[in-house]
Amino acid sequence: MSKTSMIRARTNPDLKSEVETILTELGLTTSEAINIFFSQVRLYKGLPFDVRIPNKATLETFKKTDEGKELVKCKNAGDMFRKLGI
């Protein structure tokens, strides 16, 4: 299937730059990432993830995390699983 349709969208420049850096680390171009997203939307017949307003507990956790509070730091994956009791 040839790719002939153009998508134009506006986004925050800082968000675009940060996401493009992540995509580069993953070995993807922005176009490839958009095509993956579109394929998943088609497969799921909707967004491929939940879109919800966070509840009070989640918002409080986000706030604490942003402030660097109540974080559990792990040396590696094994340490993380041990602390989780897995």
N, C-alpha and C. Protein backbone atom coordinates (compact mmCIF):
# COMPACT_ATOMS: atom_id res chain seq x y z
N MET A 1 0.85 -1.17 0.00
CA MET A 1 0.00 0.00 0.00
C MET A 1 0.90 1.24 0.00
N SER A 2 0.69 2.13 -0.95
CA SER A 2 1.51 3.33 -1.00
C SER A 2 1.01 4.35 0.00
N LYS A 3 1.94 5.12 0.49
CA LYS A 3 1.61 6.15 1.47
C LYS A 3 1.54 7.48 0.74
N THR A 4 0.31 7.92 0.47
CA THR A 4 0.16 9.15 -0.31
C THR A 4 -0.62 10.22 0.43
N SER A 5 -1.20 9.91 1.58
CA SER A 5 -1.97 10.92 2.31
C SER A 5 -1.06 11.68 3.27
N MET A 6 -1.30 12.97 3.33
CA MET A 6 -0.51 13.85 4.20
C MET A 6 -1.34 14.18 5.43
N ILE A 7 -0.69 14.17 6.59
CA ILE A 7 -1.33 14.58 7.84
C ILE A 7 -0.60 15.82 8.33
N ARG A 8 -1.37 16.84 8.67
CA ARG A 8 -0.79 18.06 9.25
C ARG A 8 -1.44 18.28 10.59
N ALA A 9 -0.64 18.46 11.60
CA ALA A 9 -1.16 18.68 12.94
C ALA A 9 -0.25 19.65 13.68
N ARG A 10 -0.85 20.42 14.54
CA ARG A 10 -0.07 21.34 15.37
C ARG A 10 0.12 20.72 16.74
N THR A 11 1.32 20.91 17.30
CA THR A 11 1.60 20.40 18.63
C THR A 11 2.61 21.32 19.31
N ASN A 12 2.73 21.17 20.58
CA ASN A 12 3.69 21.96 21.36
C ASN A 12 5.11 21.60 20.90
N PRO A 13 5.94 22.59 20.60
CA PRO A 13 7.30 22.31 20.10
C PRO A 13 8.14 21.49 21.09
N ASP A 14 8.01 21.75 22.39
CA ASP A 14 8.77 20.99 23.38
C ASP A 14 8.32 19.53 23.39
N LEU A 15 7.01 19.30 23.31
CA LEU A 15 6.49 17.94 23.28
C LEU A 15 7.00 17.22 22.04
N LYS A 16 6.95 17.88 20.90
CA LYS A 16 7.41 17.29 19.64
C LYS A 16 8.89 16.88 19.74
N SER A 17 9.70 17.77 20.26
CA SER A 17 11.13 17.49 20.38
C SER A 17 11.39 16.31 21.31
N GLU A 18 10.72 16.30 22.46
CA GLU A 18 10.91 15.22 23.42
C GLU A 18 10.48 13.88 22.84
N VAL A 19 9.32 13.87 22.18
CA VAL A 19 8.82 12.64 21.59
C VAL A 19 9.72 12.17 20.46
N GLU A 20 10.20 13.07 19.63
CA GLU A 20 11.09 12.68 18.53
C GLU A 20 12.39 12.07 19.06
N THR A 21 12.88 12.58 20.19
CA THR A 21 14.08 12.01 20.81
C THR A 21 13.81 10.57 21.25
N ILE A 22 12.67 10.35 21.87
CA ILE A 22 12.29 9.00 22.32
C ILE A 22 12.12 8.07 21.12
N LEU A 23 11.44 8.56 20.09
CA LEU A 23 11.22 7.73 18.90
C LEU A 23 12.55 7.36 18.25
N THR A 24 13.49 8.29 18.21
CA THR A 24 14.80 8.01 17.65
C THR A 24 15.49 6.89 18.43
N GLU A 25 15.38 6.94 19.76
CA GLU A 25 15.96 5.88 20.60
C GLU A 25 15.31 4.53 20.29
N LEU A 26 14.04 4.56 19.91
CA LEU A 26 13.32 3.33 19.57
C LEU A 26 13.57 2.91 18.12
N GLY A 27 14.26 3.75 17.36
CA GLY A 27 14.53 3.43 15.96
C GLY A 27 13.36 3.71 15.04
N LEU A 28 12.48 4.64 15.45
CA LEU A 28 11.29 4.97 14.67
C LEU A 28 11.32 6.42 14.23
N THR A 29 10.77 6.67 13.06
CA THR A 29 10.53 8.05 12.63
C THR A 29 9.15 8.46 13.15
N THR A 30 8.88 9.74 13.11
CA THR A 30 7.55 10.22 13.51
C THR A 30 6.48 9.62 12.61
N SER A 31 6.74 9.54 11.33
CA SER A 31 5.78 8.95 10.39
C SER A 31 5.50 7.48 10.72
N GLU A 32 6.55 6.74 11.03
CA GLU A 32 6.36 5.33 11.39
C GLU A 32 5.53 5.19 12.67
N ALA A 33 5.80 6.06 13.65
CA ALA A 33 5.04 6.01 14.91
C ALA A 33 3.57 6.35 14.66
N ILE A 34 3.31 7.33 13.83
CA ILE A 34 1.92 7.68 13.50
C ILE A 34 1.24 6.51 12.80
N ASN A 35 1.94 5.86 11.87
CA ASN A 35 1.35 4.71 11.18
C ASN A 35 1.07 3.55 12.14
N ILE A 36 1.96 3.34 13.11
CA ILE A 36 1.70 2.31 14.12
C ILE A 36 0.46 2.67 14.92
N PHE A 37 0.37 3.93 15.34
CA PHE A 37 -0.79 4.39 16.10
C PHE A 37 -2.07 4.20 15.28
N PHE A 38 -2.08 4.62 14.05
CA PHE A 38 -3.26 4.47 13.20
C PHE A 38 -3.64 3.00 13.02
N SER A 39 -2.64 2.13 12.85
CA SER A 39 -2.92 0.70 12.71
C SER A 39 -3.57 0.14 13.97
N GLN A 40 -3.11 0.59 15.12
CA GLN A 40 -3.69 0.14 16.39
C GLN A 40 -5.12 0.67 16.56
N VAL A 41 -5.36 1.91 16.16
CA VAL A 41 -6.72 2.46 16.22
C VAL A 41 -7.65 1.61 15.35
N ARG A 42 -7.18 1.26 14.16
CA ARG A 42 -7.99 0.41 13.28
C ARG A 42 -8.23 -0.95 13.90
N LEU A 43 -7.20 -1.56 14.47
CA LEU A 43 -7.31 -2.88 15.08
C LEU A 43 -8.28 -2.88 16.27
N TYR A 44 -8.16 -1.87 17.14
CA TYR A 44 -8.99 -1.78 18.34
C TYR A 44 -10.36 -1.15 18.08
N LYS A 45 -10.49 -0.57 16.89
CA LYS A 45 -11.72 0.19 16.57
C LYS A 45 -11.93 1.33 17.57
N GLY A 46 -10.83 1.94 17.95
CA GLY A 46 -10.83 3.05 18.91
C GLY A 46 -9.40 3.27 19.38
N LEU A 47 -9.23 4.09 20.38
CA LEU A 47 -7.90 4.35 20.90
C LEU A 47 -7.34 3.08 21.54
N PRO A 48 -6.06 2.81 21.33
CA PRO A 48 -5.47 1.57 21.86
C PRO A 48 -5.04 1.68 23.32
N PHE A 49 -5.62 2.59 24.05
CA PHE A 49 -5.33 2.78 25.47
C PHE A 49 -6.52 3.48 26.10
N ASP A 50 -6.64 3.36 27.42
CA ASP A 50 -7.73 4.02 28.13
C ASP A 50 -7.50 5.52 28.18
N VAL A 51 -8.55 6.27 27.99
CA VAL A 51 -8.50 7.72 28.15
C VAL A 51 -9.51 8.06 29.23
N ARG A 52 -8.98 8.43 30.38
CA ARG A 52 -9.84 8.73 31.52
C ARG A 52 -9.28 9.91 32.30
N ILE A 53 -10.15 10.50 33.08
CA ILE A 53 -9.72 11.53 34.01
C ILE A 53 -9.24 10.79 35.26
N PRO A 54 -8.01 11.02 35.70
CA PRO A 54 -7.48 10.31 36.87
C PRO A 54 -8.34 10.56 38.12
N ASN A 55 -8.47 9.51 38.96
CA ASN A 55 -9.22 9.68 40.20
C ASN A 55 -8.36 10.42 41.23
N LYS A 56 -8.93 10.72 42.38
CA LYS A 56 -8.25 11.52 43.40
C LYS A 56 -6.95 10.86 43.86
N ALA A 57 -6.98 9.55 44.09
CA ALA A 57 -5.78 8.84 44.56
C ALA A 57 -4.66 8.92 43.52
N THR A 58 -5.02 8.76 42.25
CA THR A 58 -4.02 8.83 41.19
C THR A 58 -3.43 10.24 41.09
N LEU A 59 -4.29 11.26 41.18
CA LEU A 59 -3.80 12.64 41.13
C LEU A 59 -2.86 12.94 42.29
N GLU A 60 -3.19 12.43 43.48
CA GLU A 60 -2.32 12.63 44.65
C GLU A 60 -0.98 11.94 44.44
N THR A 61 -1.01 10.75 43.86
CA THR A 61 0.22 10.02 43.57
C THR A 61 1.07 10.77 42.56
N PHE A 62 0.44 11.30 41.50
CA PHE A 62 1.16 12.10 40.51
C PHE A 62 1.84 13.29 41.18
N LYS A 63 1.11 13.96 42.05
CA LYS A 63 1.65 15.15 42.73
C LYS A 63 2.87 14.77 43.58
N LYS A 64 2.74 13.69 44.37
CA LYS A 64 3.85 13.25 45.21
C LYS A 64 5.06 12.86 44.35
N THR A 65 4.81 12.17 43.26
CA THR A 65 5.89 11.75 42.38
C THR A 65 6.60 12.97 41.79
N ASP A 66 5.80 13.93 41.32
CA ASP A 66 6.39 15.16 40.75
C ASP A 66 7.25 15.89 41.78
N GLU A 67 6.86 15.79 43.05
CA GLU A 67 7.60 16.45 44.13
C GLU A 67 8.76 15.58 44.63
N GLY A 68 8.89 14.37 44.09
CA GLY A 68 9.96 13.48 44.51
C GLY A 68 9.70 12.81 45.85
N LYS A 69 8.44 12.76 46.27
CA LYS A 69 8.08 12.19 47.58
C LYS A 69 7.57 10.77 47.42
N GLU A 70 7.82 9.96 48.45
CA GLU A 70 7.32 8.59 48.54
C GLU A 70 7.72 7.72 47.34
N LEU A 71 8.92 7.97 46.83
CA LEU A 71 9.43 7.17 45.73
C LEU A 71 10.18 5.96 46.27
N VAL A 72 10.06 4.85 45.59
CA VAL A 72 10.82 3.65 45.92
C VAL A 72 11.88 3.51 44.84
N LYS A 73 13.12 3.59 45.23
CA LYS A 73 14.22 3.50 44.27
C LYS A 73 14.79 2.09 44.28
N CYS A 74 15.06 1.58 43.10
CA CYS A 74 15.57 0.22 42.95
C CYS A 74 16.89 0.24 42.19
N LYS A 75 17.77 -0.68 42.56
CA LYS A 75 19.08 -0.76 41.91
C LYS A 75 18.98 -1.38 40.53
N ASN A 76 18.04 -2.31 40.35
CA ASN A 76 17.87 -3.00 39.09
C ASN A 76 16.52 -3.71 39.10
N ALA A 77 16.21 -4.44 38.03
CA ALA A 77 14.91 -5.11 37.93
C ALA A 77 14.72 -6.13 39.05
N GLY A 78 15.78 -6.89 39.37
CA GLY A 78 15.68 -7.89 40.44
C GLY A 78 15.34 -7.24 41.77
N ASP A 79 15.97 -6.11 42.07
CA ASP A 79 15.69 -5.38 43.30
C ASP A 79 14.24 -4.88 43.31
N MET A 80 13.77 -4.43 42.17
CA MET A 80 12.39 -3.96 42.06
C MET A 80 11.40 -5.09 42.35
N PHE A 81 11.63 -6.25 41.71
CA PHE A 81 10.73 -7.38 41.92
C PHE A 81 10.77 -7.85 43.38
N ARG A 82 11.95 -7.82 44.00
CA ARG A 82 12.06 -8.21 45.41
C ARG A 82 11.25 -7.27 46.27
N LYS A 83 11.36 -5.97 46.02
CA LYS A 83 10.63 -4.99 46.81
C LYS A 83 9.11 -5.11 46.58
N LEU A 84 8.73 -5.56 45.38
CA LEU A 84 7.31 -5.77 45.08
C LEU A 84 6.79 -7.10 45.63
N GLY A 85 7.72 -7.94 46.07
CA GLY A 85 7.32 -9.26 46.59
C GLY A 85 6.98 -10.26 45.50
N ILE A 86 7.56 -10.04 44.34
CA ILE A 86 7.28 -10.94 43.19
C ILE A 86 8.43 -11.92 43.03
